[in-house]
């Protein structure tokens, strides 16, 4: 019984230890899972912005994200968190803002030393990503090409880019290998695909296109030319879709577009006075008659109030007219902006505004005389 008691206790102890071990493993598994989720969440948080910025700047997003992971420890370092948001350990100040931190330096041979330095302070991750892109594409004041080796035009792969960074961006003698492992582990090359998104960077803001918005109207509101606004959005097509994102300057106050209608006389019917007639013969058609008198079938129908193309023999048709041209009134000279209405043409607006079609095209930077309903144009400087 004595031995049996000890055996029972030993067994119970083993069972207890086994349970404790299982619990510890489960807890470690939960911690590891949470850690992985946080790491992936950080990558997704900066991934889209990194992809957009790098695509526009001609650099590898995979390199940018891997460096952000390595330099900020997945956004967990004090330097990378609020209120600093410095993902790349960039020293100095940003728009006059900086924070002082202790830093470790590798002399290139594996020897580590510590010191204090000022690091750039940003308002958000996007500013940090953009500032990094500016550094590696524009270089420093003393060497504008210092990071040219990581540009896509000079580095065929992210591997070449990472090897070029070692000894230049960081003194860590294993820097390239660390970046490569991160890129492979998280498949960061998926962010190297070309992006067609717009670039939300410093001094710009993003607006959502509303139903009444046009490129011309937005350009006028922000005191830009249409060409400047399209270039800012990296596009040539001036047609907008409701709800799409659009970049506008953040450092310019949007000027309200005053919607004023051009003063017009009450619409009057156009009066045509017939000057020539033709009597329909057997075998005639609208097309043959129009061709004979060098007019259009539409004109024939309009002048003769026809609703079909059917003609009856001996019917008398008007084939030439004289139109009464009424003098059009001018627009108030203080009117500066005008929104295009139904049936407006640039020529009719020019006539109303006491100017010329060409002058309006030059004033509004229009490439053609085409205008569309809802478009806002300048009538004067």
Protein backbone atom coordinates (compact mmCIF):
# COMPACT_ATOMS: atom_id res chain seq x y z
CA UNK A 1 0.00 0.00 0.00
CA UNK A 2 2.84 2.31 0.79
CA UNK A 3 4.44 1.83 -2.60
CA UNK A 4 1.06 2.01 -4.21
CA UNK A 5 0.49 5.38 -2.58
CA UNK A 6 3.77 6.70 -3.89
CA UNK A 7 3.06 5.29 -7.31
CA UNK A 8 -0.30 7.01 -7.33
CA UNK A 9 1.25 10.30 -6.32
CA UNK A 10 3.94 9.96 -8.94
CA UNK A 11 1.38 9.17 -11.57
CA UNK A 12 -0.74 12.11 -10.53
CA UNK A 13 2.30 14.34 -10.61
CA UNK A 14 3.18 13.17 -14.11
CA UNK A 15 -0.38 13.72 -15.24
CA UNK A 16 -0.32 17.20 -13.67
CA UNK A 17 2.98 18.06 -15.33
CA UNK A 18 1.65 16.82 -18.63
CA UNK A 19 -1.42 19.04 -18.29
CA UNK A 20 0.70 22.04 -17.34
CA UNK A 21 2.96 21.38 -20.33
CA UNK A 22 -0.07 21.15 -22.64
CA UNK A 23 -1.49 24.40 -21.27
CA UNK A 24 1.87 26.15 -21.68
CA UNK A 25 2.12 24.93 -25.27
CA UNK A 26 -1.40 26.15 -25.98
CA UNK A 27 -0.62 29.54 -24.45
CA UNK A 28 2.56 29.81 -26.49
CA UNK A 29 0.61 28.85 -29.59
CA UNK A 30 -1.95 31.60 -28.90
CA UNK A 31 0.79 34.17 -28.32
CA UNK A 32 2.53 33.07 -31.51
CA UNK A 33 -0.74 33.24 -33.47
CA UNK A 34 -1.50 36.74 -32.18
CA UNK A 35 2.05 37.84 -33.00
CA UNK A 36 1.77 36.52 -36.55
CA UNK A 37 -1.61 38.20 -36.99
CA UNK A 38 -0.20 41.52 -35.77
CA UNK A 39 2.75 41.20 -38.13
CA UNK A 40 0.50 40.45 -41.09
CA UNK A 41 -1.82 43.30 -40.08
CA UNK A 42 1.12 45.72 -40.09
CA UNK A 43 2.16 44.57 -43.57
CA UNK A 44 -1.37 45.03 -44.91
CA UNK A 45 -1.61 48.45 -43.22
CA UNK A 46 1.36 49.87 -45.12
CA UNK A 47 1.30 47.53 -48.11
CA UNK A 48 -1.19 49.35 -50.32
CA UNK A 49 0.41 52.77 -49.80
CA UNK A 50 3.87 51.29 -50.36
CA UNK A 51 2.70 49.66 -53.60
CA UNK A 52 1.20 52.91 -54.92
CA UNK A 53 4.16 55.10 -53.98
CA UNK A 54 6.81 52.66 -55.20
CA UNK A 55 5.02 52.12 -58.52
CA UNK A 56 5.03 55.85 -59.18
CA UNK A 57 8.64 56.26 -58.07
CA UNK A 58 10.06 53.25 -59.93
CA UNK A 59 11.30 51.32 -56.88
CA UNK A 60 10.47 47.95 -55.31
CA UNK A 61 7.55 47.93 -52.85
CA UNK A 62 8.87 44.63 -51.48
CA UNK A 63 12.12 46.34 -50.48
CA UNK A 64 10.29 49.30 -48.96
CA UNK A 65 8.01 47.05 -46.85
CA UNK A 66 10.86 44.74 -45.79
CA UNK A 67 12.91 47.73 -44.64
CA UNK A 68 9.94 49.09 -42.72
CA UNK A 69 9.52 45.72 -40.99
CA UNK A 70 13.21 45.47 -40.17
CA UNK A 71 13.72 49.08 -39.08
CA UNK A 72 10.52 49.35 -37.02
CA UNK A 73 10.07 45.76 -35.80
CA UNK A 74 6.66 45.50 -37.49
CA UNK A 75 5.68 48.96 -36.25
CA UNK A 76 6.37 48.06 -32.61
CA UNK A 77 9.39 50.29 -32.00
CA UNK A 78 8.87 53.53 -30.09
CA UNK A 79 10.23 55.47 -33.04
CA UNK A 80 7.60 54.01 -35.40
CA UNK A 81 4.61 54.51 -33.13
CA UNK A 82 2.48 57.56 -32.37
CA UNK A 83 3.53 60.40 -32.35
CA UNK A 84 6.62 59.62 -34.45
CA UNK A 85 5.55 57.16 -37.20
CA UNK A 86 9.18 56.84 -38.39
CA UNK A 87 9.28 53.44 -40.10
CA UNK A 88 12.78 53.61 -41.55
CA UNK A 89 14.92 55.03 -38.78
CA UNK A 90 15.53 58.16 -40.83
CA UNK A 91 17.56 60.72 -38.92
CA UNK A 92 17.22 64.50 -38.88
CA UNK A 93 13.92 66.40 -38.90
CA UNK A 94 10.84 66.44 -41.11
CA UNK A 95 9.20 69.83 -41.60
CA UNK A 96 10.90 70.94 -38.39
CA UNK A 97 9.74 67.94 -36.33
CA UNK A 98 12.09 65.44 -34.73
CA UNK A 99 12.45 63.09 -31.74
CA UNK A 100 15.61 62.05 -29.89
CA UNK A 101 16.37 58.34 -29.49
CA UNK A 102 19.23 56.02 -28.64
CA UNK A 103 20.54 54.21 -31.71
CA UNK A 104 22.80 51.22 -32.30
CA UNK A 105 25.36 51.29 -35.10
CA UNK A 106 27.22 48.41 -36.74
CA UNK A 107 30.70 49.40 -37.95
CA UNK A 108 30.35 47.00 -40.87
CA UNK A 109 32.44 44.34 -39.17
CA UNK A 110 29.88 43.27 -36.59
CA UNK A 111 30.99 45.63 -33.77
CA UNK A 112 27.98 47.45 -32.22
CA UNK A 113 28.08 50.89 -30.56
CA UNK A 114 25.30 53.08 -29.13
CA UNK A 115 24.66 56.81 -29.30
CA UNK A 116 21.80 59.36 -29.24
CA UNK A 117 20.49 61.08 -32.36
CA UNK A 118 17.55 63.09 -33.69
CA UNK A 119 15.09 61.19 -35.86
CA UNK A 120 12.42 62.51 -38.21
CA UNK A 121 8.91 62.74 -36.83
CA UNK A 122 5.88 62.26 -39.11
CA UNK A 123 2.12 62.72 -38.79
CA UNK A 124 1.35 59.26 -40.20
CA UNK A 125 2.82 56.21 -41.94
CA UNK A 126 2.12 57.65 -45.40
CA UNK A 127 4.41 60.61 -44.79
CA UNK A 128 7.16 58.24 -43.67
CA UNK A 129 6.73 56.04 -46.75
CA UNK A 130 6.74 59.03 -49.09
CA UNK A 131 9.79 60.58 -47.41
CA UNK A 132 11.65 57.28 -47.77
CA UNK A 133 10.76 57.13 -51.47
CA UNK A 134 11.94 60.70 -51.89
CA UNK A 135 15.26 59.86 -50.23
CA UNK A 136 16.04 56.81 -52.36
CA UNK A 137 14.95 58.46 -55.63
CA UNK A 138 16.30 61.98 -55.09
CA UNK A 139 19.30 61.07 -52.93
CA UNK A 140 21.02 63.41 -50.51
CA UNK A 141 22.29 66.96 -50.92
CA UNK A 142 25.80 65.68 -51.45
CA UNK A 143 24.94 62.71 -53.71
CA UNK A 144 21.67 62.55 -55.65
CA UNK A 145 22.54 59.08 -57.04
CA UNK A 146 23.53 57.44 -53.79
CA UNK A 147 20.60 54.96 -53.92
CA UNK A 148 20.26 54.73 -57.71
CA UNK A 149 21.25 51.07 -57.53
CA UNK A 150 17.87 50.08 -56.06
CA UNK A 151 15.76 51.70 -58.78
CA UNK A 152 13.90 49.23 -60.99
CA UNK A 153 15.69 50.74 -63.97
CA UNK A 154 19.04 49.72 -62.44
CA UNK A 155 18.18 46.63 -60.35
CA UNK A 156 16.62 43.71 -62.22
CA UNK A 157 15.37 42.04 -59.01
CA UNK A 158 14.71 42.85 -55.37
CA UNK A 159 17.78 40.74 -54.54
CA UNK A 160 20.06 43.12 -56.43
CA UNK A 161 18.34 46.08 -54.79
CA UNK A 162 18.77 44.65 -51.28
CA UNK A 163 22.46 43.92 -51.85
CA UNK A 164 23.01 47.47 -53.07
CA UNK A 165 21.45 48.86 -49.86
CA UNK A 166 23.86 47.00 -47.59
CA UNK A 167 26.62 49.32 -46.50
CA UNK A 168 24.76 52.34 -47.89
CA UNK A 169 21.40 52.56 -46.14
CA UNK A 170 22.51 50.50 -43.12
CA UNK A 171 25.88 49.43 -41.76
CA UNK A 172 24.49 46.02 -40.70
CA UNK A 173 26.74 43.45 -42.38
CA UNK A 174 23.76 41.07 -42.85
CA UNK A 175 21.24 43.70 -43.94
CA UNK A 176 20.64 42.30 -47.45
CA UNK A 177 20.04 38.74 -46.20
CA UNK A 178 17.57 39.97 -43.60
CA UNK A 179 15.58 41.89 -46.22
CA UNK A 180 15.55 38.92 -48.58
CA UNK A 181 14.29 36.55 -45.87
CA UNK A 182 11.44 38.92 -44.98
CA UNK A 183 10.44 39.33 -48.63
CA UNK A 184 10.37 35.57 -49.13
CA UNK A 185 8.60 34.82 -45.84
CA UNK A 186 5.70 37.19 -46.47
CA UNK A 187 5.65 37.01 -50.27
CA UNK A 188 6.19 40.76 -50.44
CA UNK A 189 6.84 40.65 -54.18
CA UNK A 190 3.02 40.64 -54.59
CA UNK A 191 3.23 44.36 -53.82
CA UNK A 192 5.65 44.94 -56.71
CA UNK A 193 2.83 44.78 -59.25
CA UNK A 194 2.14 47.95 -61.19
CA UNK A 195 -0.41 50.15 -59.45
CA UNK A 196 -2.96 52.33 -61.21
CA UNK A 197 -4.05 53.95 -57.96
CA UNK A 198 -3.61 57.64 -57.36
CA UNK A 199 -0.81 58.91 -55.18
CA UNK A 200 -1.89 60.31 -51.78
CA UNK A 201 1.28 62.15 -50.81
CA UNK A 202 2.49 65.26 -49.09
CA UNK A 203 0.66 68.48 -50.02
CA UNK A 204 -2.12 66.48 -51.71
CA UNK A 205 -5.49 65.29 -50.51
CA UNK A 206 -8.03 62.87 -51.92
CA UNK A 207 -11.63 63.79 -52.66
CA UNK A 208 -14.54 61.68 -53.88
CA UNK A 209 -16.08 62.69 -57.20
CA UNK A 210 -19.63 63.94 -56.86
CA UNK A 211 -22.38 63.87 -59.49
CA UNK A 212 -21.86 67.47 -60.60
CA UNK A 213 -18.02 67.40 -60.61
CA UNK A 214 -16.01 67.83 -63.79
CA UNK A 215 -12.26 68.06 -64.35
CA UNK A 216 -12.66 71.64 -65.54
CA UNK A 217 -14.75 72.61 -62.53
CA UNK A 218 -12.32 71.04 -60.05
CA UNK A 219 -9.35 72.65 -61.81
CA UNK A 220 -11.02 76.05 -61.57
CA UNK A 221 -11.91 75.51 -57.92
CA UNK A 222 -8.27 74.76 -57.04
CA UNK A 223 -6.79 77.37 -59.37
CA UNK A 224 -5.11 74.80 -61.63
CA UNK A 225 -5.17 74.13 -65.34
CA UNK A 226 -6.85 70.95 -66.55
CA UNK A 227 -3.45 69.65 -67.67
CA UNK A 228 -1.95 70.21 -64.21
CA UNK A 229 -4.84 68.44 -62.52
CA UNK A 230 -4.68 65.44 -64.85
CA UNK A 231 -0.90 65.21 -64.40
CA UNK A 232 -1.38 65.27 -60.64
CA UNK A 233 -3.61 62.20 -61.02
CA UNK A 234 -1.30 60.50 -63.52
CA UNK A 235 -4.05 60.28 -66.16
CA UNK A 236 -5.05 61.68 -69.53
CA UNK A 237 -8.75 60.85 -69.62
CA UNK A 238 -10.76 63.86 -68.34
CA UNK A 239 -13.98 61.89 -67.82
CA UNK A 240 -14.85 61.26 -64.16
CA UNK A 241 -16.94 58.59 -62.45
CA UNK A 242 -19.11 59.35 -59.46
CA UNK A 243 -17.48 58.03 -56.28
CA UNK A 244 -13.97 57.59 -57.66
CA UNK A 245 -10.96 58.98 -55.81
CA UNK A 246 -9.26 62.08 -57.15
CA UNK A 247 -6.15 63.92 -55.98
CA UNK A 248 -6.28 67.66 -55.42
CA UNK A 249 -3.83 70.05 -53.74
CA UNK A 250 -3.95 70.09 -49.97
CA UNK A 251 -2.19 73.44 -49.70
CA UNK A 252 -4.80 75.36 -51.70
CA UNK A 253 -8.22 76.36 -50.51
CA UNK A 254 -10.98 75.25 -52.82
CA UNK A 255 -12.75 78.23 -54.33
CA UNK A 256 -16.54 77.84 -54.50
CA UNK A 257 -17.98 77.77 -57.99
CA UNK A 258 -20.83 80.24 -58.08
CA UNK A 259 -23.59 78.80 -60.16
CA UNK A 260 -25.05 81.71 -62.07
CA UNK A 261 -27.12 81.42 -65.16
CA UNK A 262 -26.35 83.44 -68.23
CA UNK A 263 -29.03 86.06 -68.80
CA UNK A 264 -30.83 85.03 -71.94
CA UNK A 265 -33.82 86.39 -73.76
CA UNK A 266 -36.98 84.28 -73.65
CA UNK A 267 -36.68 81.57 -76.28
CA UNK A 268 -38.31 82.53 -79.55
CA UNK A 269 -39.25 80.18 -82.35
CA UNK A 270 -36.96 80.25 -85.34
CA UNK A 271 -38.82 81.53 -88.39
CA UNK A 272 -37.87 80.26 -91.85
CA UNK A 273 -38.98 82.01 -95.05
CA UNK A 274 -39.14 79.76 -98.07
CA UNK A 275 -37.10 81.01 -101.01
CA UNK A 276 -37.33 77.97 -103.31
CA UNK A 277 -39.78 75.12 -103.83
CA UNK A 278 -39.75 71.73 -105.57
CA UNK A 279 -42.72 69.61 -106.68
CA UNK A 280 -42.33 65.90 -106.01
CA UNK A 281 -42.20 63.59 -109.04
CA UNK A 282 -42.58 59.87 -109.40
CA UNK A 283 -39.51 58.06 -108.10
CA UNK A 284 -38.33 60.96 -105.92
CA UNK A 285 -37.10 60.41 -102.36
CA UNK A 286 -35.93 62.69 -99.60
CA UNK A 287 -32.37 61.58 -100.26
CA UNK A 288 -32.46 62.28 -104.00
CA UNK A 289 -34.09 65.69 -103.50
CA UNK A 290 -31.66 66.67 -100.74
CA UNK A 291 -28.71 65.63 -102.93
CA UNK A 292 -30.06 67.65 -105.87
CA UNK A 293 -30.30 70.86 -103.81
CA UNK A 294 -27.20 70.18 -101.69
CA UNK A 295 -29.06 70.09 -98.40
CA UNK A 296 -29.72 67.38 -95.82
CA UNK A 297 -32.77 65.18 -95.40
CA UNK A 298 -33.06 66.55 -91.86
CA UNK A 299 -33.41 70.06 -93.26
CA UNK A 300 -36.03 68.91 -95.71
CA UNK A 301 -38.05 67.32 -92.93
CA UNK A 302 -37.68 70.34 -90.66
CA UNK A 303 -38.59 72.95 -93.27
CA UNK A 304 -41.59 70.96 -94.49
CA UNK A 305 -42.75 69.62 -91.11
CA UNK A 306 -42.39 66.01 -92.25
CA UNK A 307 -42.49 63.15 -89.73
CA UNK A 308 -41.75 60.32 -92.19
CA UNK A 309 -39.72 59.84 -95.34
CA UNK A 310 -42.83 59.02 -97.37
CA UNK A 311 -43.54 61.47 -100.20
CA UNK A 312 -46.60 61.92 -102.37
CA UNK A 313 -46.50 62.87 -106.03
CA UNK A 314 -47.00 66.59 -106.80
CA UNK A 315 -46.40 67.60 -103.16
CA UNK A 316 -44.65 70.96 -103.00
CA UNK A 317 -41.54 70.96 -100.82
CA UNK A 318 -39.44 73.83 -99.51
CA UNK A 319 -35.88 73.24 -100.61
CA UNK A 320 -34.28 76.54 -99.61
CA UNK A 321 -35.01 79.06 -96.86
CA UNK A 322 -33.91 82.33 -95.39
CA UNK A 323 -33.61 82.25 -91.60
CA UNK A 324 -34.43 85.24 -89.40
CA UNK A 325 -31.30 85.82 -87.30
CA UNK A 326 -32.26 87.52 -84.08
CA UNK A 327 -29.56 89.44 -82.25
CA UNK A 328 -28.45 87.64 -79.09
CA UNK A 329 -28.09 89.53 -75.82
CA UNK A 330 -24.74 89.60 -74.04
CA UNK A 331 -23.84 88.15 -70.66
CA UNK A 332 -23.31 90.35 -67.64
CA UNK A 333 -19.65 91.41 -67.86
CA UNK A 334 -19.08 90.49 -64.20
CA UNK A 335 -20.08 86.88 -64.88
CA UNK A 336 -16.87 84.78 -64.66
CA UNK A 337 -18.01 81.15 -64.46
CA UNK A 338 -20.73 79.36 -66.34
CA UNK A 339 -22.06 75.80 -66.20
CA UNK A 340 -22.98 74.32 -69.59
CA UNK A 341 -26.71 73.80 -70.12
CA UNK A 342 -28.69 71.69 -72.58
CA UNK A 343 -28.18 72.72 -76.24
CA UNK A 344 -25.25 75.04 -75.37
CA UNK A 345 -22.27 75.16 -77.69
CA UNK A 346 -18.99 76.94 -77.18
CA UNK A 347 -19.88 79.18 -80.13
CA UNK A 348 -23.26 80.17 -78.67
CA UNK A 349 -21.71 80.90 -75.27
CA UNK A 350 -18.98 82.96 -76.93
CA UNK A 351 -21.63 84.97 -78.72
CA UNK A 352 -23.58 85.52 -75.50
CA UNK A 353 -20.40 86.53 -73.70
CA UNK A 354 -19.27 88.98 -76.36
CA UNK A 355 -16.11 87.01 -77.05
CA UNK A 356 -14.88 84.39 -79.50
CA UNK A 357 -14.89 80.60 -79.44
CA UNK A 358 -11.09 80.54 -79.75
CA UNK A 359 -10.72 82.95 -76.82
CA UNK A 360 -12.85 80.68 -74.62
CA UNK A 361 -10.82 77.63 -75.67
CA UNK A 362 -7.56 79.37 -74.72
CA UNK A 363 -8.97 80.74 -71.46
CA UNK A 364 -10.17 77.27 -70.38
CA UNK A 365 -7.23 75.30 -71.83
CA UNK A 366 -9.60 73.30 -74.07
CA UNK A 367 -8.09 71.20 -76.82
CA UNK A 368 -11.35 71.15 -78.85
CA UNK A 369 -14.55 73.18 -79.04
CA UNK A 370 -16.47 70.26 -77.52
CA UNK A 371 -18.34 71.03 -74.27
CA UNK A 372 -20.81 68.92 -72.31
CA UNK A 373 -23.73 69.48 -69.95
CA UNK A 374 -22.56 70.25 -66.42
CA UNK A 375 -19.07 71.39 -67.46
CA UNK A 376 -17.95 74.62 -65.82
CA UNK A 377 -15.98 77.12 -67.91
CA UNK A 378 -14.46 80.53 -67.40
CA UNK A 379 -16.03 83.40 -69.27
CA UNK A 380 -13.36 85.91 -68.29
CA UNK A 381 -10.13 86.12 -66.32
